[in-house]
Amino acid sequence: MGLRYKKPLPIERLKEAGYTSYKLKQMGNPISMGAMTRLRHGEGISWKTLETICTLCNCQPGDLIEYVPEEEGE
């Protein structure tokens, strides 16, 4: 399995912190719309995007992602 997002998902954490797509757009798109789409679909994002989310939400990367080891045979 590898890395996966923890609950609440990063996109939900942004919303809880008051960052909607509209507000992010007004801020000059610190997180690209493509990255927002990848977050909504549970896909991978860049380290820079992860860093930006951590800055906006005042959290650590470990609050957003976790490592889940693969089971034998996967």
Protein backbone atom coordinates (compact mmCIF):
# COMPACT_ATOMS: atom_id res chain seq x y z
CA MET A 1 0.00 0.00 0.00
CA GLY A 2 2.70 2.56 0.92
CA LEU A 3 1.73 6.11 1.81
CA ARG A 4 -1.87 7.17 2.22
CA TYR A 5 -3.75 10.16 3.55
CA LYS A 6 -5.02 10.12 7.10
CA LYS A 7 -8.55 11.13 8.04
CA PRO A 8 -9.58 13.88 7.89
CA LEU A 9 -8.14 14.17 4.40
CA PRO A 10 -5.87 17.14 3.66
CA ILE A 11 -8.61 18.78 1.56
CA GLU A 12 -10.96 18.56 4.57
CA ARG A 13 -8.29 20.03 6.85
CA LEU A 14 -7.94 22.99 4.50
CA LYS A 15 -11.70 23.56 4.59
CA GLU A 16 -11.71 23.31 8.41
CA ALA A 17 -8.96 25.95 8.47
CA GLY A 18 -11.13 28.21 6.29
CA TYR A 19 -9.36 27.69 2.97
CA THR A 20 -11.85 27.15 0.16
CA SER A 21 -10.89 26.95 -3.51
CA TYR A 22 -12.14 30.53 -3.86
CA LYS A 23 -10.01 31.81 -0.98
CA LEU A 24 -6.92 29.99 -2.29
CA LYS A 25 -7.51 31.56 -5.70
CA GLN A 26 -7.71 35.00 -4.09
CA MET A 27 -4.40 34.30 -2.34
CA GLY A 28 -2.71 33.71 -5.70
CA ASN A 29 -3.15 29.93 -5.80
CA PRO A 30 -0.58 28.77 -3.24
CA ILE A 31 -1.96 25.30 -4.08
CA SER A 32 -2.62 24.70 -7.77
CA MET A 33 -6.05 23.64 -8.93
CA GLY A 34 -4.45 20.48 -10.30
CA ALA A 35 -3.10 19.65 -6.85
CA MET A 36 -6.54 20.33 -5.36
CA THR A 37 -8.05 17.86 -7.85
CA ARG A 38 -5.41 15.24 -6.96
CA LEU A 39 -6.20 15.74 -3.27
CA ARG A 40 -9.93 15.27 -3.90
CA HIS A 41 -9.19 11.98 -5.68
CA GLY A 42 -6.72 10.76 -3.05
CA GLU A 43 -3.79 10.94 -5.47
CA GLY A 44 -0.22 11.96 -4.70
CA ILE A 45 0.93 15.56 -4.39
CA SER A 46 4.34 17.24 -4.46
CA TRP A 47 6.45 17.91 -1.37
CA LYS A 48 5.97 21.63 -2.00
CA THR A 49 2.17 21.23 -1.93
CA LEU A 50 2.42 19.15 1.24
CA GLU A 51 4.58 21.86 2.79
CA THR A 52 2.05 24.55 1.81
CA ILE A 53 -0.84 22.60 3.34
CA CYS A 54 1.16 22.12 6.55
CA THR A 55 1.88 25.86 6.67
CA LEU A 56 -1.74 26.86 6.06
CA CYS A 57 -3.16 24.30 8.50
CA ASN A 58 -0.36 24.66 11.08
CA CYS A 59 0.32 20.92 11.14
CA GLN A 60 3.07 18.38 10.46
CA PRO A 61 3.28 16.06 7.41
CA GLY A 62 2.67 13.12 9.76
CA ASP A 63 -0.70 14.66 10.60
CA LEU A 64 -1.70 14.28 6.94
CA ILE A 65 -0.06 11.08 5.69
CA GLU A 66 0.88 7.69 7.05
CA TYR A 67 2.87 4.69 5.89
CA VAL A 68 1.01 1.41 5.62
CA PRO A 69 3.31 -1.56 4.94
CA GLU A 70 2.35 -3.89 2.13
CA GLU A 71 1.27 -7.35 3.11
CA GLU A 72 2.99 -10.34 1.55
CA GLY A 73 1.48 -11.27 -1.78
CA GLU A 74 0.33 -7.73 -2.65
